[in-house]
N, C-alpha and C. Protein backbone atom coordinates (compact mmCIF):
# COMPACT_ATOMS: atom_id res chain seq x y z
N MET A 1 252.53 80.63 -8.05
CA MET A 1 253.90 81.02 -8.29
C MET A 1 254.03 81.74 -9.65
N ARG A 2 253.31 81.21 -10.63
CA ARG A 2 253.33 81.81 -11.96
C ARG A 2 252.75 83.21 -11.92
N LYS A 3 251.67 83.41 -11.15
CA LYS A 3 251.04 84.72 -11.05
C LYS A 3 251.99 85.71 -10.38
N ILE A 4 252.72 85.25 -9.38
CA ILE A 4 253.67 86.13 -8.68
C ILE A 4 254.76 86.57 -9.64
N PHE A 5 255.25 85.66 -10.46
CA PHE A 5 256.29 85.99 -11.44
C PHE A 5 255.80 87.03 -12.43
N CYS A 6 254.57 86.85 -12.93
CA CYS A 6 254.00 87.82 -13.87
C CYS A 6 253.83 89.18 -13.23
N LEU A 7 253.41 89.18 -11.97
CA LEU A 7 253.22 90.45 -11.26
C LEU A 7 254.55 91.16 -11.08
N LEU A 8 255.59 90.41 -10.70
CA LEU A 8 256.92 91.02 -10.53
C LEU A 8 257.45 91.58 -11.85
N LEU A 9 257.19 90.83 -12.94
CA LEU A 9 257.63 91.29 -14.26
C LEU A 9 256.92 92.58 -14.64
N MET A 10 255.62 92.66 -14.36
CA MET A 10 254.85 93.86 -14.68
C MET A 10 255.33 95.05 -13.84
N LEU A 11 255.63 94.81 -12.58
CA LEU A 11 256.11 95.88 -11.70
C LEU A 11 257.48 96.39 -12.18
N CYS A 12 258.33 95.46 -12.61
CA CYS A 12 259.64 95.88 -13.12
C CYS A 12 259.49 96.72 -14.38
N THR A 13 258.54 96.31 -15.25
CA THR A 13 258.30 97.06 -16.50
C THR A 13 257.78 98.46 -16.19
N ILE A 14 256.85 98.55 -15.25
CA ILE A 14 256.30 99.86 -14.87
C ILE A 14 257.39 100.72 -14.26
N SER A 15 258.24 100.12 -13.43
CA SER A 15 259.32 100.88 -12.80
C SER A 15 260.31 101.41 -13.83
N ALA A 16 260.65 100.53 -14.82
CA ALA A 16 261.59 100.96 -15.86
C ALA A 16 260.99 102.08 -16.70
N TYR A 17 259.69 101.97 -17.02
CA TYR A 17 259.01 103.00 -17.82
C TYR A 17 258.99 104.32 -17.08
N ALA A 18 258.69 104.23 -15.76
CA ALA A 18 258.69 105.45 -14.96
C ALA A 18 260.08 106.06 -14.90
N GLY A 19 261.11 105.18 -14.89
CA GLY A 19 262.48 105.69 -14.88
C GLY A 19 262.83 106.40 -16.16
N VAL A 20 262.38 105.87 -17.29
CA VAL A 20 262.63 106.50 -18.59
C VAL A 20 261.95 107.85 -18.66
N ARG A 21 260.71 107.91 -18.22
CA ARG A 21 259.98 109.18 -18.23
C ARG A 21 260.68 110.22 -17.37
N GLY A 22 261.19 109.76 -16.23
CA GLY A 22 261.91 110.68 -15.36
C GLY A 22 263.19 111.18 -16.00
N ASP A 23 263.91 110.27 -16.68
CA ASP A 23 265.14 110.68 -17.36
C ASP A 23 264.85 111.67 -18.48
N LEU A 24 263.77 111.41 -19.22
CA LEU A 24 263.40 112.33 -20.30
C LEU A 24 263.00 113.69 -19.76
N ARG A 25 262.27 113.69 -18.67
CA ARG A 25 261.86 114.95 -18.07
C ARG A 25 263.07 115.73 -17.57
N ASP A 26 263.97 115.04 -16.87
CA ASP A 26 265.18 115.70 -16.36
C ASP A 26 266.07 116.16 -17.52
N GLY A 27 266.18 115.31 -18.55
CA GLY A 27 266.99 115.70 -19.70
C GLY A 27 266.44 116.93 -20.38
N GLY A 28 265.11 117.02 -20.48
CA GLY A 28 264.49 118.19 -21.10
C GLY A 28 264.76 119.46 -20.32
N LYS A 29 264.70 119.38 -18.99
CA LYS A 29 264.97 120.55 -18.16
C LYS A 29 266.42 121.00 -18.30
N LEU A 30 267.32 120.03 -18.29
CA LEU A 30 268.74 120.36 -18.43
C LEU A 30 269.02 120.95 -19.81
N TYR A 31 268.35 120.43 -20.82
CA TYR A 31 268.53 120.94 -22.17
C TYR A 31 268.04 122.37 -22.28
N GLU A 32 266.86 122.63 -21.72
CA GLU A 32 266.33 123.99 -21.74
C GLU A 32 267.25 124.96 -21.01
N GLY A 33 267.94 124.46 -20.01
CA GLY A 33 268.90 125.29 -19.28
C GLY A 33 270.26 125.35 -19.94
N LYS A 34 270.35 124.78 -21.16
CA LYS A 34 271.58 124.78 -21.96
C LYS A 34 272.71 124.02 -21.28
N LYS A 35 272.36 123.08 -20.42
CA LYS A 35 273.35 122.20 -19.80
C LYS A 35 273.39 120.92 -20.64
N TYR A 36 273.97 121.05 -21.82
CA TYR A 36 273.86 120.00 -22.82
C TYR A 36 274.60 118.72 -22.43
N GLY A 37 275.72 118.83 -21.75
CA GLY A 37 276.44 117.66 -21.32
C GLY A 37 275.65 116.81 -20.35
N GLN A 38 275.03 117.46 -19.36
CA GLN A 38 274.21 116.75 -18.39
C GLN A 38 272.94 116.20 -19.05
N ALA A 39 272.39 116.97 -19.97
CA ALA A 39 271.19 116.51 -20.68
C ALA A 39 271.50 115.25 -21.49
N LEU A 40 272.64 115.26 -22.17
CA LEU A 40 273.03 114.09 -22.96
C LEU A 40 273.17 112.86 -22.07
N ALA A 41 273.73 113.05 -20.88
CA ALA A 41 273.89 111.92 -19.96
C ALA A 41 272.53 111.36 -19.57
N LYS A 42 271.56 112.22 -19.34
CA LYS A 42 270.21 111.77 -18.96
C LYS A 42 269.53 111.02 -20.11
N TYR A 43 269.68 111.54 -21.30
CA TYR A 43 269.07 110.88 -22.46
C TYR A 43 269.72 109.51 -22.68
N ASN A 44 271.01 109.43 -22.47
CA ASN A 44 271.69 108.14 -22.62
C ASN A 44 271.25 107.15 -21.55
N GLU A 45 270.98 107.65 -20.35
CA GLU A 45 270.45 106.78 -19.30
C GLU A 45 269.09 106.22 -19.71
N ALA A 46 268.27 107.06 -20.31
CA ALA A 46 266.96 106.59 -20.78
C ALA A 46 267.12 105.54 -21.87
N LEU A 47 268.11 105.73 -22.75
CA LEU A 47 268.34 104.77 -23.83
C LEU A 47 268.85 103.43 -23.30
N GLU A 48 269.59 103.47 -22.22
CA GLU A 48 270.04 102.22 -21.62
C GLU A 48 268.86 101.40 -21.11
N LYS A 49 267.85 102.08 -20.61
CA LYS A 49 266.67 101.40 -20.09
C LYS A 49 265.70 101.02 -21.21
N GLU A 50 265.65 101.88 -22.25
CA GLU A 50 264.72 101.64 -23.35
C GLU A 50 265.41 102.05 -24.66
N PRO A 51 266.20 101.15 -25.26
CA PRO A 51 267.04 101.49 -26.42
C PRO A 51 266.28 102.01 -27.63
N HIS A 52 265.00 101.69 -27.76
CA HIS A 52 264.24 102.10 -28.95
C HIS A 52 263.32 103.29 -28.68
N ASN A 53 263.60 104.04 -27.65
CA ASN A 53 262.79 105.21 -27.33
C ASN A 53 263.22 106.37 -28.23
N GLU A 54 262.36 106.79 -29.15
CA GLU A 54 262.74 107.82 -30.11
C GLU A 54 262.91 109.18 -29.44
N ASP A 55 262.17 109.46 -28.38
CA ASP A 55 262.35 110.73 -27.67
C ASP A 55 263.74 110.82 -27.06
N ALA A 56 264.21 109.70 -26.53
CA ALA A 56 265.52 109.69 -25.90
C ALA A 56 266.63 109.85 -26.93
N SER A 57 266.54 109.11 -28.05
CA SER A 57 267.58 109.22 -29.07
C SER A 57 267.55 110.58 -29.74
N PHE A 58 266.36 111.13 -29.94
CA PHE A 58 266.25 112.47 -30.53
C PHE A 58 266.87 113.51 -29.61
N GLY A 59 266.54 113.42 -28.31
CA GLY A 59 267.12 114.36 -27.34
C GLY A 59 268.63 114.23 -27.25
N ALA A 60 269.12 112.98 -27.32
CA ALA A 60 270.57 112.77 -27.29
C ALA A 60 271.23 113.41 -28.50
N GLY A 61 270.59 113.28 -29.66
CA GLY A 61 271.14 113.90 -30.86
C GLY A 61 271.19 115.41 -30.76
N ALA A 62 270.12 116.00 -30.21
CA ALA A 62 270.06 117.46 -30.07
C ALA A 62 271.14 117.96 -29.11
N ALA A 63 271.29 117.27 -27.98
CA ALA A 63 272.30 117.68 -27.00
C ALA A 63 273.70 117.53 -27.58
N ALA A 64 273.96 116.42 -28.24
CA ALA A 64 275.28 116.19 -28.83
C ALA A 64 275.58 117.23 -29.91
N TYR A 65 274.55 117.63 -30.66
CA TYR A 65 274.72 118.64 -31.70
C TYR A 65 275.25 119.94 -31.12
N TYR A 66 274.65 120.37 -30.02
CA TYR A 66 275.08 121.63 -29.42
C TYR A 66 276.41 121.51 -28.68
N LEU A 67 276.80 120.29 -28.39
CA LEU A 67 278.14 120.06 -27.84
C LEU A 67 279.18 119.95 -28.96
N LYS A 68 278.71 120.05 -30.21
CA LYS A 68 279.54 119.94 -31.41
C LYS A 68 280.17 118.56 -31.54
N ASP A 69 279.53 117.58 -30.92
CA ASP A 69 279.94 116.19 -31.10
C ASP A 69 279.08 115.64 -32.23
N TYR A 70 279.45 115.99 -33.45
CA TYR A 70 278.60 115.70 -34.60
C TYR A 70 278.50 114.21 -34.91
N GLN A 71 279.55 113.46 -34.61
CA GLN A 71 279.47 112.02 -34.84
C GLN A 71 278.41 111.38 -33.95
N ALA A 72 278.40 111.77 -32.67
CA ALA A 72 277.40 111.24 -31.75
C ALA A 72 276.00 111.71 -32.15
N ALA A 73 275.90 112.95 -32.61
CA ALA A 73 274.60 113.48 -33.04
C ALA A 73 274.08 112.71 -34.26
N GLU A 74 274.96 112.45 -35.21
CA GLU A 74 274.56 111.68 -36.40
C GLU A 74 274.01 110.31 -35.99
N GLN A 75 274.71 109.63 -35.12
CA GLN A 75 274.27 108.30 -34.70
C GLN A 75 272.92 108.35 -34.00
N ALA A 76 272.73 109.36 -33.16
CA ALA A 76 271.47 109.47 -32.42
C ALA A 76 270.30 109.78 -33.36
N PHE A 77 270.50 110.70 -34.30
CA PHE A 77 269.42 111.04 -35.22
C PHE A 77 269.13 109.88 -36.17
N GLU A 78 270.16 109.17 -36.59
CA GLU A 78 269.95 107.99 -37.43
C GLU A 78 269.16 106.92 -36.68
N GLN A 79 269.45 106.78 -35.38
CA GLN A 79 268.71 105.84 -34.55
C GLN A 79 267.24 106.24 -34.46
N THR A 80 266.99 107.53 -34.35
CA THR A 80 265.62 108.02 -34.31
C THR A 80 264.90 107.74 -35.62
N ILE A 81 265.59 107.96 -36.73
CA ILE A 81 265.00 107.72 -38.05
C ILE A 81 264.65 106.25 -38.22
N ASP A 82 265.51 105.39 -37.72
CA ASP A 82 265.27 103.94 -37.86
C ASP A 82 263.97 103.51 -37.16
N GLN A 83 263.53 104.26 -36.15
CA GLN A 83 262.30 103.91 -35.45
C GLN A 83 261.06 104.18 -36.29
N GLU A 84 261.22 105.07 -37.29
CA GLU A 84 260.12 105.42 -38.21
C GLU A 84 258.88 105.87 -37.43
N GLY A 85 259.10 106.67 -36.41
CA GLY A 85 258.00 107.16 -35.59
C GLY A 85 257.61 108.58 -35.96
N GLU A 86 257.04 109.29 -35.01
CA GLU A 86 256.54 110.65 -35.27
C GLU A 86 257.67 111.66 -35.45
N LEU A 87 258.85 111.34 -34.98
CA LEU A 87 259.96 112.30 -35.05
C LEU A 87 260.87 112.09 -36.25
N ILE A 88 260.47 111.22 -37.18
CA ILE A 88 261.37 110.89 -38.28
C ILE A 88 261.71 112.10 -39.14
N GLN A 89 260.74 112.96 -39.42
CA GLN A 89 261.04 114.11 -40.28
C GLN A 89 261.93 115.12 -39.57
N ASP A 90 261.61 115.39 -38.31
CA ASP A 90 262.46 116.30 -37.54
C ASP A 90 263.88 115.76 -37.45
N ALA A 91 263.99 114.45 -37.27
CA ALA A 91 265.31 113.84 -37.18
C ALA A 91 266.07 113.96 -38.50
N LEU A 92 265.36 113.81 -39.62
CA LEU A 92 266.00 113.97 -40.93
C LEU A 92 266.50 115.40 -41.11
N PHE A 93 265.67 116.37 -40.72
CA PHE A 93 266.08 117.77 -40.83
C PHE A 93 267.32 118.04 -39.98
N ASN A 94 267.29 117.56 -38.74
CA ASN A 94 268.41 117.80 -37.84
C ASN A 94 269.66 117.04 -38.28
N LEU A 95 269.45 115.88 -38.88
CA LEU A 95 270.58 115.14 -39.42
C LEU A 95 271.23 115.94 -40.55
N GLY A 96 270.39 116.60 -41.36
CA GLY A 96 270.94 117.46 -42.40
C GLY A 96 271.78 118.58 -41.82
N ASN A 97 271.29 119.21 -40.76
CA ASN A 97 272.06 120.27 -40.10
C ASN A 97 273.37 119.73 -39.55
N THR A 98 273.31 118.52 -38.98
CA THR A 98 274.51 117.92 -38.40
C THR A 98 275.55 117.64 -39.47
N TYR A 99 275.11 117.06 -40.57
CA TYR A 99 276.03 116.81 -41.67
C TYR A 99 276.64 118.11 -42.19
N TYR A 100 275.81 119.14 -42.28
CA TYR A 100 276.28 120.43 -42.79
C TYR A 100 277.38 121.00 -41.89
N ARG A 101 277.13 120.96 -40.58
CA ARG A 101 278.12 121.48 -39.63
C ARG A 101 279.39 120.65 -39.63
N ALA A 102 279.27 119.37 -39.97
CA ALA A 102 280.44 118.50 -40.01
C ALA A 102 281.17 118.60 -41.35
N GLY A 103 280.66 119.42 -42.26
CA GLY A 103 281.31 119.61 -43.55
C GLY A 103 280.95 118.57 -44.58
N GLU A 104 279.93 117.74 -44.32
CA GLU A 104 279.52 116.70 -45.26
C GLU A 104 278.30 117.21 -46.04
N THR A 105 278.55 118.09 -46.98
CA THR A 105 277.45 118.80 -47.64
C THR A 105 276.58 117.89 -48.51
N GLU A 106 277.19 116.91 -49.16
CA GLU A 106 276.39 116.03 -50.02
C GLU A 106 275.41 115.21 -49.18
N LYS A 107 275.87 114.71 -48.03
CA LYS A 107 274.99 113.98 -47.13
C LYS A 107 273.91 114.90 -46.57
N ALA A 108 274.28 116.15 -46.31
CA ALA A 108 273.30 117.12 -45.80
C ALA A 108 272.20 117.34 -46.83
N LYS A 109 272.58 117.51 -48.09
CA LYS A 109 271.59 117.69 -49.15
C LYS A 109 270.63 116.51 -49.22
N GLN A 110 271.17 115.31 -49.11
CA GLN A 110 270.32 114.13 -49.18
C GLN A 110 269.35 114.06 -48.01
N ALA A 111 269.83 114.41 -46.81
CA ALA A 111 268.95 114.39 -45.63
C ALA A 111 267.85 115.43 -45.76
N TYR A 112 268.17 116.63 -46.24
CA TYR A 112 267.15 117.65 -46.44
C TYR A 112 266.11 117.20 -47.46
N ARG A 113 266.58 116.58 -48.53
CA ARG A 113 265.64 116.11 -49.56
C ARG A 113 264.69 115.05 -48.99
N GLN A 114 265.24 114.14 -48.20
CA GLN A 114 264.40 113.10 -47.60
C GLN A 114 263.38 113.72 -46.64
N ALA A 115 263.81 114.75 -45.92
CA ALA A 115 262.90 115.41 -45.00
C ALA A 115 261.78 116.12 -45.76
N ILE A 116 262.11 116.71 -46.88
CA ILE A 116 261.11 117.43 -47.66
C ILE A 116 260.12 116.48 -48.31
N VAL A 117 260.58 115.28 -48.64
CA VAL A 117 259.65 114.27 -49.13
C VAL A 117 258.57 114.01 -48.07
N LYS A 118 258.97 114.04 -46.80
CA LYS A 118 258.02 113.82 -45.70
C LYS A 118 257.09 115.03 -45.53
N ASN A 119 257.61 116.21 -45.79
CA ASN A 119 256.81 117.43 -45.66
C ASN A 119 257.21 118.42 -46.75
N PRO A 120 256.53 118.41 -47.90
CA PRO A 120 256.89 119.28 -49.01
C PRO A 120 256.77 120.77 -48.69
N LYS A 121 256.11 121.13 -47.61
CA LYS A 121 255.93 122.55 -47.27
C LYS A 121 256.97 123.04 -46.26
N ASP A 122 257.99 122.27 -46.04
CA ASP A 122 259.02 122.64 -45.08
C ASP A 122 259.92 123.74 -45.64
N LYS A 123 259.59 124.99 -45.34
CA LYS A 123 260.32 126.14 -45.90
C LYS A 123 261.76 126.17 -45.41
N GLU A 124 261.99 125.79 -44.15
CA GLU A 124 263.33 125.87 -43.60
C GLU A 124 264.27 124.85 -44.25
N ALA A 125 263.75 123.66 -44.52
CA ALA A 125 264.59 122.66 -45.19
C ALA A 125 264.91 123.11 -46.61
N ILE A 126 263.92 123.71 -47.28
CA ILE A 126 264.16 124.24 -48.63
C ILE A 126 265.21 125.35 -48.58
N HIS A 127 265.09 126.21 -47.58
CA HIS A 127 266.08 127.29 -47.42
C HIS A 127 267.49 126.73 -47.25
N ASN A 128 267.63 125.72 -46.37
CA ASN A 128 268.95 125.16 -46.11
C ASN A 128 269.52 124.47 -47.35
N LEU A 129 268.66 123.77 -48.07
CA LEU A 129 269.10 123.09 -49.29
C LEU A 129 269.50 124.11 -50.35
N GLN A 130 268.72 125.17 -50.50
CA GLN A 130 269.06 126.23 -51.45
C GLN A 130 270.39 126.87 -51.09
N LEU A 131 270.61 127.05 -49.80
CA LEU A 131 271.85 127.67 -49.35
C LEU A 131 273.06 126.84 -49.77
N ILE A 132 272.96 125.53 -49.59
CA ILE A 132 274.07 124.66 -49.97
C ILE A 132 274.30 124.72 -51.48
N ILE A 133 273.22 124.68 -52.25
CA ILE A 133 273.34 124.74 -53.71
C ILE A 133 273.98 126.06 -54.15
N GLU A 134 273.57 127.15 -53.52
CA GLU A 134 274.14 128.46 -53.86
C GLU A 134 275.63 128.51 -53.50
N GLN A 135 275.98 127.95 -52.35
CA GLN A 135 277.39 127.94 -51.95
C GLN A 135 278.23 127.12 -52.91
N GLN A 136 277.70 125.99 -53.32
CA GLN A 136 278.44 125.14 -54.26
C GLN A 136 278.56 125.82 -55.62
N GLN A 137 277.50 126.50 -56.05
CA GLN A 137 277.54 127.22 -57.32
C GLN A 137 278.55 128.36 -57.26
N SER A 138 278.55 129.07 -56.14
CA SER A 138 279.51 130.17 -55.97
C SER A 138 280.94 129.65 -55.98
N GLN A 139 281.17 128.52 -55.32
CA GLN A 139 282.51 127.94 -55.29
C GLN A 139 282.93 127.48 -56.67
N GLN A 140 281.99 126.91 -57.41
CA GLN A 140 282.30 126.48 -58.77
C GLN A 140 282.64 127.68 -59.65
N ASN A 141 281.88 128.77 -59.49
CA ASN A 141 282.18 129.98 -60.25
C ASN A 141 283.58 130.50 -59.92
N GLN A 142 283.92 130.47 -58.64
CA GLN A 142 285.24 130.95 -58.21
C GLN A 142 286.34 130.07 -58.77
N ASN A 143 286.12 128.76 -58.76
CA ASN A 143 287.11 127.84 -59.32
C ASN A 143 287.30 128.08 -60.81
N ASN A 144 286.18 128.29 -61.50
CA ASN A 144 286.27 128.57 -62.94
C ASN A 144 287.02 129.86 -63.20
N GLN A 145 286.77 130.88 -62.34
CA GLN A 145 287.45 132.15 -62.53
C GLN A 145 288.95 132.02 -62.26
N ASN A 146 289.30 131.24 -61.25
CA ASN A 146 290.71 131.03 -60.95
C ASN A 146 291.42 130.34 -62.11
N GLU A 147 290.74 129.36 -62.70
CA GLU A 147 291.31 128.69 -63.86
C GLU A 147 291.49 129.65 -65.03
N GLN A 148 290.49 130.53 -65.21
CA GLN A 148 290.58 131.51 -66.29
C GLN A 148 291.73 132.48 -66.04
N ASN A 149 291.89 132.90 -64.79
CA ASN A 149 292.99 133.81 -64.45
C ASN A 149 294.34 133.15 -64.75
N GLN A 150 294.46 131.87 -64.39
CA GLN A 150 295.71 131.17 -64.64
C GLN A 150 296.00 131.06 -66.13
N ASP A 151 294.95 130.78 -66.91
CA ASP A 151 295.13 130.68 -68.36
C ASP A 151 295.53 132.02 -68.95
N ASN A 152 294.88 133.11 -68.47
CA ASN A 152 295.20 134.45 -68.98
C ASN A 152 296.62 134.84 -68.60
N ASN A 153 297.01 134.50 -67.37
CA ASN A 153 298.37 134.85 -66.94
C ASN A 153 299.41 134.10 -67.77
N SER A 154 299.10 132.84 -68.05
CA SER A 154 300.04 132.05 -68.86
C SER A 154 300.13 132.61 -70.27
N SER A 155 299.00 133.01 -70.82
CA SER A 155 298.99 133.56 -72.17
C SER A 155 299.74 134.88 -72.23
N ASN A 156 299.50 135.74 -71.23
CA ASN A 156 300.19 137.04 -71.19
C ASN A 156 301.69 136.87 -71.02
N GLN A 157 302.07 135.90 -70.18
CA GLN A 157 303.49 135.66 -69.96
C GLN A 157 304.16 135.17 -71.23
N SER A 158 303.43 134.33 -71.95
CA SER A 158 303.97 133.83 -73.22
C SER A 158 304.16 134.96 -74.22
N GLN A 159 303.19 135.89 -74.25
CA GLN A 159 303.30 137.03 -75.17
C GLN A 159 304.47 137.92 -74.77
N GLN A 160 304.65 138.11 -73.48
CA GLN A 160 305.77 138.94 -73.01
C GLN A 160 307.10 138.31 -73.40
N ASP A 161 307.17 136.99 -73.24
CA ASP A 161 308.43 136.32 -73.59
C ASP A 161 308.74 136.48 -75.07
N GLN A 162 307.69 136.36 -75.90
CA GLN A 162 307.90 136.49 -77.34
C GLN A 162 308.34 137.91 -77.71
N GLN A 163 307.69 138.93 -77.09
CA GLN A 163 308.05 140.31 -77.38
C GLN A 163 309.44 140.63 -76.86
N GLY A 164 309.78 140.03 -75.69
CA GLY A 164 311.11 140.26 -75.13
C GLY A 164 312.19 139.70 -76.03
N ASN A 165 311.92 138.55 -76.60
CA ASN A 165 312.91 137.94 -77.50
C ASN A 165 313.05 138.75 -78.78
N GLY A 166 311.96 139.42 -79.23
CA GLY A 166 312.01 140.14 -80.49
C GLY A 166 312.49 141.56 -80.37
N SER A 167 312.28 142.22 -79.21
CA SER A 167 312.60 143.66 -79.12
C SER A 167 313.23 144.01 -77.80
N GLY A 168 314.05 143.16 -77.23
CA GLY A 168 314.76 143.49 -76.01
C GLY A 168 313.92 143.18 -74.79
N SER A 169 313.99 144.08 -73.82
CA SER A 169 313.35 143.83 -72.52
C SER A 169 312.09 144.64 -72.35
N GLN A 170 311.40 144.91 -73.45
CA GLN A 170 310.17 145.71 -73.38
C GLN A 170 309.11 144.97 -72.58
N GLU A 171 308.45 145.63 -71.61
CA GLU A 171 307.44 145.02 -70.75
C GLU A 171 306.05 145.31 -71.28
N GLN A 172 305.15 144.40 -71.00
CA GLN A 172 303.76 144.57 -71.42
C GLN A 172 302.87 144.54 -70.20
N GLU A 173 301.98 145.51 -70.09
CA GLU A 173 301.06 145.59 -68.95
C GLU A 173 299.99 144.51 -69.08
N GLN A 174 299.80 143.75 -67.97
CA GLN A 174 298.79 142.70 -67.97
C GLN A 174 297.47 143.25 -67.45
N GLN A 175 296.41 142.83 -68.05
CA GLN A 175 295.09 143.25 -67.63
C GLN A 175 294.43 142.12 -66.85
N SER A 176 293.92 142.45 -65.68
CA SER A 176 293.24 141.45 -64.87
C SER A 176 291.80 141.31 -65.32
N PRO A 177 291.35 140.11 -65.51
CA PRO A 177 289.95 139.92 -65.92
C PRO A 177 289.02 140.33 -64.79
N SER A 178 287.84 140.75 -65.15
CA SER A 178 286.87 141.16 -64.14
C SER A 178 286.42 139.96 -63.34
N GLN A 179 286.13 140.16 -62.04
CA GLN A 179 285.69 139.10 -61.16
C GLN A 179 284.20 138.82 -61.36
N PRO A 180 283.80 137.55 -61.31
CA PRO A 180 282.38 137.23 -61.47
C PRO A 180 281.62 137.51 -60.19
N GLN A 181 280.35 137.71 -60.28
CA GLN A 181 279.53 137.88 -59.10
C GLN A 181 279.24 136.51 -58.50
N ASP A 182 279.41 136.38 -57.15
CA ASP A 182 279.20 135.10 -56.47
C ASP A 182 277.72 134.91 -56.19
N GLN A 183 276.96 134.89 -57.24
CA GLN A 183 275.52 134.69 -57.10
C GLN A 183 275.04 133.74 -58.18
N MET A 184 273.92 133.07 -57.87
CA MET A 184 273.32 132.20 -58.87
C MET A 184 272.66 133.07 -59.94
N ASP A 185 272.80 132.67 -61.20
CA ASP A 185 272.08 133.40 -62.22
C ASP A 185 270.62 132.95 -62.22
N LYS A 186 269.82 133.59 -63.05
CA LYS A 186 268.38 133.35 -63.02
C LYS A 186 268.04 131.89 -63.32
N SER A 187 268.74 131.27 -64.25
CA SER A 187 268.43 129.89 -64.60
C SER A 187 268.70 128.96 -63.43
N ASP A 188 269.80 129.23 -62.69
CA ASP A 188 270.10 128.40 -61.51
C ASP A 188 269.03 128.58 -60.45
N ALA A 189 268.60 129.82 -60.22
CA ALA A 189 267.58 130.08 -59.20
C ALA A 189 266.27 129.41 -59.58
N ASP A 190 265.91 129.49 -60.87
CA ASP A 190 264.69 128.83 -61.33
C ASP A 190 264.76 127.33 -61.13
N ARG A 191 265.95 126.77 -61.35
CA ARG A 191 266.12 125.33 -61.19
C ARG A 191 265.92 124.91 -59.74
N VAL A 192 266.45 125.71 -58.82
CA VAL A 192 266.31 125.39 -57.40
C VAL A 192 264.84 125.43 -56.98
N MET A 193 264.13 126.47 -57.40
CA MET A 193 262.72 126.59 -57.02
C MET A 193 261.90 125.47 -57.65
N GLN A 194 262.28 125.04 -58.85
CA GLN A 194 261.57 123.92 -59.47
C GLN A 194 261.79 122.64 -58.66
N MET A 195 263.00 122.46 -58.15
CA MET A 195 263.28 121.31 -57.30
C MET A 195 262.40 121.32 -56.06
N ALA A 196 262.21 122.51 -55.50
CA ALA A 196 261.37 122.62 -54.31
C ALA A 196 259.93 122.26 -54.64
N ARG A 197 259.45 122.76 -55.78
CA ARG A 197 258.08 122.47 -56.17
C ARG A 197 257.87 120.98 -56.45
N GLU A 198 258.91 120.30 -56.85
CA GLU A 198 258.80 118.88 -57.13
C GLU A 198 259.02 118.03 -55.89
N ASN A 199 259.02 118.65 -54.73
CA ASN A 199 259.08 117.93 -53.45
C ASN A 199 260.38 117.14 -53.25
N GLU A 200 261.50 117.70 -53.66
CA GLU A 200 262.75 117.01 -53.43
C GLU A 200 263.25 117.25 -52.02
N TYR A 201 262.73 118.11 -51.40
CA TYR A 201 263.29 118.52 -50.12
C TYR A 201 262.54 117.99 -48.94
N LYS A 202 262.31 119.81 -45.85
CA LYS A 202 261.85 119.44 -44.48
C LYS A 202 261.34 120.46 -43.46
N LYS A 203 260.86 120.15 -42.25
CA LYS A 203 260.12 120.97 -41.27
C LYS A 203 260.86 121.23 -39.97
N PRO A 204 261.10 122.46 -39.66
CA PRO A 204 261.72 122.77 -38.38
C PRO A 204 260.68 123.19 -37.38
N THR A 205 261.02 123.26 -36.13
CA THR A 205 260.08 123.75 -35.14
C THR A 205 260.33 125.22 -34.84
N GLN A 206 261.48 125.73 -35.29
CA GLN A 206 261.80 127.12 -35.02
C GLN A 206 260.91 128.02 -35.87
N SER A 207 260.27 128.99 -35.25
CA SER A 207 259.38 129.88 -35.97
C SER A 207 260.14 131.11 -36.47
N GLY A 208 259.51 131.84 -37.35
CA GLY A 208 260.12 133.07 -37.83
C GLY A 208 260.86 132.84 -39.14
N ALA A 209 261.15 133.93 -39.83
CA ALA A 209 261.81 133.83 -41.13
C ALA A 209 263.27 133.46 -40.95
N ALA A 210 263.80 132.74 -41.92
CA ALA A 210 265.20 132.33 -41.87
C ALA A 210 266.09 133.53 -42.18
N ARG A 211 267.25 133.59 -41.51
CA ARG A 211 268.22 134.64 -41.80
C ARG A 211 268.90 134.34 -43.11
N GLN A 212 269.06 135.35 -43.93
CA GLN A 212 269.67 135.17 -45.24
C GLN A 212 271.13 134.78 -45.06
N GLY A 213 271.53 133.71 -45.77
CA GLY A 213 272.92 133.32 -45.74
C GLY A 213 273.31 132.42 -44.60
N SER A 214 272.36 131.89 -43.86
CA SER A 214 272.69 130.98 -42.78
C SER A 214 271.68 129.85 -42.72
N THR A 215 272.11 128.69 -42.22
CA THR A 215 271.19 127.58 -42.13
C THR A 215 270.20 127.80 -40.99
N VAL A 216 269.02 127.27 -41.16
CA VAL A 216 268.03 127.30 -40.10
C VAL A 216 268.23 126.07 -39.23
N GLU A 217 268.22 126.25 -37.93
CA GLU A 217 268.40 125.14 -37.01
C GLU A 217 267.19 125.01 -36.13
N LYS A 218 266.84 123.78 -35.85
CA LYS A 218 265.65 123.50 -35.06
C LYS A 218 265.84 123.87 -33.60
N ASP A 219 264.84 124.48 -33.02
CA ASP A 219 264.86 124.80 -31.60
C ASP A 219 264.21 123.65 -30.86
N TRP A 220 265.04 122.70 -30.48
CA TRP A 220 264.49 121.53 -29.81
C TRP A 220 263.92 121.91 -28.45
């Protein structure tokens, strides 16, 4: 009786494993066909049968990402990372992309850095991290310029008021300050490259050079 029970248990395990493999295979085909909703359903079916399957959670994250369900994608990639398997670096990279698309840039930077620690030669992760740093630097420059414009306008208005009080309604022409270039200066660029050399940053599967001004996304 004990042997029969063990045999039934083994058969159930084999059947469940075969079911997971089938779900992963079907999910992969649906994903390649860009049927992301159906692919996500298949990956979730695999996770129901085998909750710690990193291929299933990774696939679910990828499908959810392209469905723009970034919360679900974050959870799936985090689940993959928790497994600490072969896909951990790819999951970190994709988690960075997910955070970036969701507008969580600081979390994206941290995920890219963790991915680069796993693979210091990950050019795409370095590119994405540099892009975020450049965008933040550009925004900071713009904010500083806006503050300067406001200060100059206030100063000019004050001078006009003083001249108006002293000599009637005489107007004074205001000069607009020159706009700064929305680019990192050399010291900022050197700092970013030094960060890359110090292995603060990850690896994509997508081949080819990254497009300037856009994040690189993994071709799952």
